[in-house]
Protein backbone atom coordinates (compact mmCIF):
# COMPACT_ATOMS: atom_id res chain seq x y z
CA UNK A 1 -34.91 11.24 88.14
CA UNK A 2 -35.88 14.25 90.25
CA UNK A 3 -33.50 15.22 93.00
CA UNK A 4 -34.97 15.22 96.50
CA UNK A 5 -33.95 18.76 97.49
CA UNK A 6 -34.10 20.53 94.14
CA UNK A 7 -34.14 24.30 94.63
CA UNK A 8 -34.08 24.12 98.42
CA UNK A 9 -32.01 26.38 100.67
CA UNK A 10 -30.31 24.33 103.37
CA UNK A 11 -28.14 25.22 106.34
CA UNK A 12 -25.77 22.71 107.94
CA UNK A 13 -24.00 23.91 111.07
CA UNK A 14 -20.73 22.23 111.92
CA UNK A 15 -20.34 21.30 108.27
CA UNK A 16 -16.57 21.15 107.88
CA UNK A 17 -15.96 17.48 108.68
CA UNK A 18 -17.56 14.17 109.57
CA UNK A 19 -21.34 13.89 109.53
CA UNK A 20 -21.87 17.59 108.81
CA UNK A 21 -19.64 17.60 105.75
CA UNK A 22 -21.06 14.35 104.40
CA UNK A 23 -24.59 15.68 104.83
CA UNK A 24 -23.79 18.99 103.16
CA UNK A 25 -22.36 17.07 100.21
CA UNK A 26 -25.46 14.89 99.99
CA UNK A 27 -27.83 17.87 100.25
CA UNK A 28 -25.97 19.62 97.44
CA UNK A 29 -26.02 16.47 95.30
CA UNK A 30 -29.79 16.37 95.80
CA UNK A 31 -30.15 19.90 94.41
CA UNK A 32 -29.96 22.20 97.44
CA UNK A 33 -27.86 25.30 97.82
CA UNK A 34 -26.13 24.61 101.12
CA UNK A 35 -24.85 27.06 103.68
CA UNK A 36 -22.25 25.45 105.90
CA UNK A 37 -20.77 26.86 109.08
CA UNK A 38 -17.56 26.18 110.94
CA UNK A 39 -15.37 27.92 113.46
CA UNK A 40 -12.13 27.76 111.44
CA UNK A 41 -11.84 29.61 108.14
CA UNK A 42 -9.28 27.32 106.49
CA UNK A 43 -11.31 24.17 107.15
CA UNK A 44 -14.46 25.95 106.03
CA UNK A 45 -12.92 26.91 102.69
CA UNK A 46 -11.83 23.31 102.06
CA UNK A 47 -15.32 22.04 102.90
CA UNK A 48 -17.00 24.52 100.55
CA UNK A 49 -14.79 23.30 97.72
CA UNK A 50 -15.76 19.70 98.47
CA UNK A 51 -19.49 20.44 98.65
CA UNK A 52 -19.67 22.50 95.48
CA UNK A 53 -23.02 24.31 95.51
CA UNK A 54 -22.30 25.88 98.89
CA UNK A 55 -21.62 29.06 100.82
CA UNK A 56 -19.35 28.94 103.85
CA UNK A 57 -19.90 31.26 106.79
CA UNK A 58 -17.50 31.34 109.73
CA UNK A 59 -19.71 30.93 112.79
CA UNK A 60 -19.36 29.70 116.35
CA UNK A 61 -22.91 28.57 117.13
CA UNK A 62 -22.53 29.51 120.78
CA UNK A 63 -22.05 33.17 119.81
CA UNK A 64 -25.45 34.76 119.27
CA UNK A 65 -24.16 37.76 117.36
CA UNK A 66 -22.50 35.42 114.87
CA UNK A 67 -25.79 33.56 114.40
CA UNK A 68 -27.51 36.90 113.78
CA UNK A 69 -24.97 37.76 111.08
CA UNK A 70 -25.39 34.32 109.48
CA UNK A 71 -29.16 34.65 109.24
CA UNK A 72 -28.92 38.22 107.96
CA UNK A 73 -26.72 36.94 105.14
CA UNK A 74 -29.17 34.17 104.23
CA UNK A 75 -32.10 36.60 104.46
CA UNK A 76 -30.43 39.02 102.06
CA UNK A 77 -29.49 36.31 99.56
CA UNK A 78 -32.49 33.97 99.64
CA UNK A 79 -35.11 35.13 102.14
CA UNK A 80 -35.79 31.66 103.50
CA UNK A 81 -34.46 28.37 104.82
CA UNK A 82 -36.10 25.10 103.75
CA UNK A 83 -33.83 22.70 105.64
CA UNK A 84 -31.94 23.38 108.86
CA UNK A 85 -29.54 20.73 110.13
CA UNK A 86 -28.42 21.87 113.60
CA UNK A 87 -25.38 19.64 113.73
CA UNK A 88 -22.61 21.68 115.36
CA UNK A 89 -21.52 20.30 118.71
CA UNK A 90 -19.11 17.93 120.35
CA UNK A 91 -17.78 16.74 123.64
CA UNK A 92 -15.08 14.97 125.56
CA UNK A 93 -14.83 12.34 128.26
CA UNK A 94 -14.44 12.80 132.02
CA UNK A 95 -15.70 10.44 134.74
CA UNK A 96 -17.82 11.53 137.69
CA UNK A 97 -15.43 12.84 140.32
CA UNK A 98 -13.25 14.57 137.74
CA UNK A 99 -15.87 16.68 135.93
CA UNK A 100 -14.94 20.34 135.89
CA UNK A 101 -17.05 23.44 135.45
CA UNK A 102 -15.16 24.13 132.23
CA UNK A 103 -16.00 20.67 130.88
CA UNK A 104 -19.67 21.11 131.71
CA UNK A 105 -19.87 24.61 130.29
CA UNK A 106 -18.10 23.70 127.04
CA UNK A 107 -20.32 20.67 126.41
CA UNK A 108 -23.63 22.36 127.19
CA UNK A 109 -22.69 25.57 125.38
CA UNK A 110 -21.96 23.62 122.18
CA UNK A 111 -24.67 20.97 122.32
CA UNK A 112 -27.56 22.70 124.08
CA UNK A 113 -27.19 26.49 123.93
CA UNK A 114 -25.86 26.36 120.37
CA UNK A 115 -28.70 24.15 119.14
CA UNK A 116 -31.37 26.18 120.96
CA UNK A 117 -30.36 29.51 119.51
CA UNK A 118 -29.48 28.13 116.09
CA UNK A 119 -33.11 27.04 115.76
CA UNK A 120 -34.76 29.93 117.59
CA UNK A 121 -32.96 32.59 115.58
CA UNK A 122 -33.82 30.77 112.35
CA UNK A 123 -37.57 30.93 112.98
CA UNK A 124 -38.29 34.08 110.93
CA UNK A 125 -36.57 32.46 107.93
CA UNK A 126 -38.05 28.97 108.14
CA UNK A 127 -40.33 28.33 105.18
CA UNK A 128 -43.73 26.73 105.64
CA UNK A 129 -43.19 22.96 105.74
CA UNK A 130 -39.48 23.43 106.48
CA UNK A 131 -37.55 20.53 107.96
CA UNK A 132 -35.41 21.00 111.05
CA UNK A 133 -33.04 18.19 111.99
CA UNK A 134 -31.20 18.08 115.32
CA UNK A 135 -28.12 15.93 115.85
CA UNK A 136 -28.63 13.73 118.87
CA UNK A 137 -26.69 10.62 119.82
CA UNK A 138 -27.25 7.11 121.08
CA UNK A 139 -25.38 8.39 124.15
CA UNK A 140 -28.50 10.36 125.06
CA UNK A 141 -30.48 7.21 125.79
CA UNK A 142 -27.78 4.88 127.07
CA UNK A 143 -24.87 4.79 129.44
CA UNK A 144 -21.13 5.01 128.88
CA UNK A 145 -18.38 5.44 131.43
CA UNK A 146 -16.94 8.97 131.59
CA UNK A 147 -19.50 10.31 129.11
CA UNK A 148 -22.28 11.53 131.38
CA UNK A 149 -22.11 15.25 130.58
CA UNK A 150 -22.15 14.63 126.82
CA UNK A 151 -24.99 12.12 127.23
CA UNK A 152 -27.03 14.60 129.27
CA UNK A 153 -26.55 17.29 126.64
CA UNK A 154 -27.80 14.99 123.90
CA UNK A 155 -30.80 13.95 126.01
CA UNK A 156 -31.62 17.66 126.18
CA UNK A 157 -31.51 17.88 122.39
CA UNK A 158 -34.01 15.03 122.14
CA UNK A 159 -36.30 16.86 124.59
CA UNK A 160 -36.11 20.01 122.45
CA UNK A 161 -37.63 18.19 119.47
CA UNK A 162 -40.51 16.74 121.49
CA UNK A 163 -41.51 20.16 122.75
CA UNK A 164 -40.75 22.32 119.74
CA UNK A 165 -43.10 20.40 117.44
CA UNK A 166 -45.89 21.69 119.66
CA UNK A 167 -44.58 25.24 119.68
CA UNK A 168 -44.39 25.25 115.87
CA UNK A 169 -47.39 23.15 114.92
CA UNK A 170 -49.18 26.12 113.33
CA UNK A 171 -46.11 26.77 111.17
CA UNK A 172 -46.15 23.22 109.77
CA UNK A 173 -42.44 22.96 110.48
CA UNK A 174 -41.19 19.43 111.09
CA UNK A 175 -38.51 18.87 113.75
CA UNK A 176 -36.78 15.52 114.08
CA UNK A 177 -33.71 14.20 115.86
CA UNK A 178 -31.17 11.99 114.14
CA UNK A 179 -29.13 9.93 116.59
CA UNK A 180 -26.03 8.32 115.14
CA UNK A 181 -24.30 5.46 116.84
CA UNK A 182 -20.54 5.06 116.69
CA UNK A 183 -19.53 6.64 113.38
CA UNK A 184 -16.08 6.92 111.85
CA UNK A 185 -15.57 10.67 112.23
CA UNK A 186 -12.61 12.79 113.37
CA UNK A 187 -14.52 13.69 116.51
CA UNK A 188 -14.90 10.04 117.48
CA UNK A 189 -11.38 8.82 116.78
CA UNK A 190 -9.91 11.86 118.54
CA UNK A 191 -11.43 10.56 121.79
CA UNK A 192 -8.72 7.89 121.71
CA UNK A 193 -5.92 10.45 121.36
CA UNK A 194 -3.43 10.90 118.52
CA UNK A 195 -2.07 7.35 118.41
CA UNK A 196 -3.37 5.48 115.33
CA UNK A 197 -3.29 2.09 117.04
CA UNK A 198 -5.35 3.39 119.95
CA UNK A 199 -7.81 4.99 117.53
CA UNK A 200 -8.25 1.69 115.68
CA UNK A 201 -8.61 -0.11 118.99
CA UNK A 202 -11.48 2.21 119.91
CA UNK A 203 -13.19 1.63 116.57
CA UNK A 204 -12.77 -2.14 116.92
CA UNK A 205 -14.20 -2.11 120.43
CA UNK A 206 -17.18 -0.02 119.38
CA UNK A 207 -17.81 -2.28 116.39
CA UNK A 208 -17.95 -5.27 118.74
CA UNK A 209 -20.90 -3.65 120.56
CA UNK A 210 -22.96 -3.17 117.38
CA UNK A 211 -25.15 -5.97 115.98
CA UNK A 212 -24.00 -5.18 112.44
CA UNK A 213 -20.41 -5.71 113.55
CA UNK A 214 -19.00 -2.39 112.34
CA UNK A 215 -19.14 1.32 112.99
CA UNK A 216 -21.11 3.62 110.74
CA UNK A 217 -19.80 5.88 108.01
CA UNK A 218 -20.68 9.59 107.78
CA UNK A 219 -22.33 9.02 104.40
CA UNK A 220 -24.81 6.63 106.01
CA UNK A 221 -25.89 9.27 108.50
CA UNK A 222 -26.11 11.77 105.65
CA UNK A 223 -28.48 9.49 103.75
CA UNK A 224 -30.82 9.32 106.74
CA UNK A 225 -30.64 13.10 107.21
CA UNK A 226 -31.55 13.56 103.56
CA UNK A 227 -34.66 11.43 104.08
CA UNK A 228 -35.72 13.64 107.01
CA UNK A 229 -34.99 16.78 104.98
CA UNK A 230 -37.03 15.68 101.99
CA UNK A 231 -40.71 15.38 101.19
CA UNK A 232 -40.31 11.61 101.62
CA UNK A 233 -40.59 12.39 105.34
CA UNK A 234 -43.54 14.79 105.01
CA UNK A 235 -45.50 13.02 107.79
CA UNK A 236 -42.47 12.32 110.02
CA UNK A 237 -42.37 14.71 112.96
CA UNK A 238 -40.81 14.61 116.42
CA UNK A 239 -39.09 11.28 116.04
CA UNK A 240 -35.65 10.13 117.10
CA UNK A 241 -34.19 8.26 114.16
CA UNK A 242 -31.43 5.94 115.34
CA UNK A 243 -28.79 5.33 112.67
CA UNK A 244 -26.66 2.99 114.72
CA UNK A 245 -26.54 -0.51 113.26
CA UNK A 246 -28.96 -1.68 115.94
CA UNK A 247 -26.74 -0.58 118.84
CA UNK A 248 -29.47 1.10 120.85
CA UNK A 249 -32.07 -1.58 120.16
CA UNK A 250 -30.46 -4.28 122.30
């Protein structure tokens, strides 16, 4: 059976853990050579070993010179990108009244500036009919206490996709947003702090809010990202694909 991404060159930013790592593994299993980025060398090396057919490049997506070096490396080795998964990002929780400038800057630098320039600087390398996937979140279209800055940053990501498909329509580049719900990743459980019981309590609470009665697994998000990356989604453009167990549909 033919693999969905045979011979493709893919880039997954923030690919050292969670959804990014699971997606890089799935892309590689489907035949792609995958570039993965991360800010920490040791974690990046471990991820590359797990992915297999991969190249790791140490990059902070908020640093434009590091993005330039990343794309120069891909240009020299392959001359193109077929799939770009702009996944690097993150956030933390602070309620209105306690939000700091540092909290705002960190969240928007990682989730908005990083995504913007990751995609913009990739444009010369994007192949005709390339697939660009942006990591959104159910937070971007709902409400959660103490999560307003993160939610606003993910709403901005969704707006990028709606507008960029018009900017790139002559290039035949597809841009879609994948919006996971609560997913069992290090980034999610860390919101509860280091205590294992508190982490499990958070997961249990989140599961109670989801019609399917459980949180998602990174591999489930990766499967949806693979669909958007592949020719199976050749007429899918500008959508927000919720992978959330029905959470945002009620």
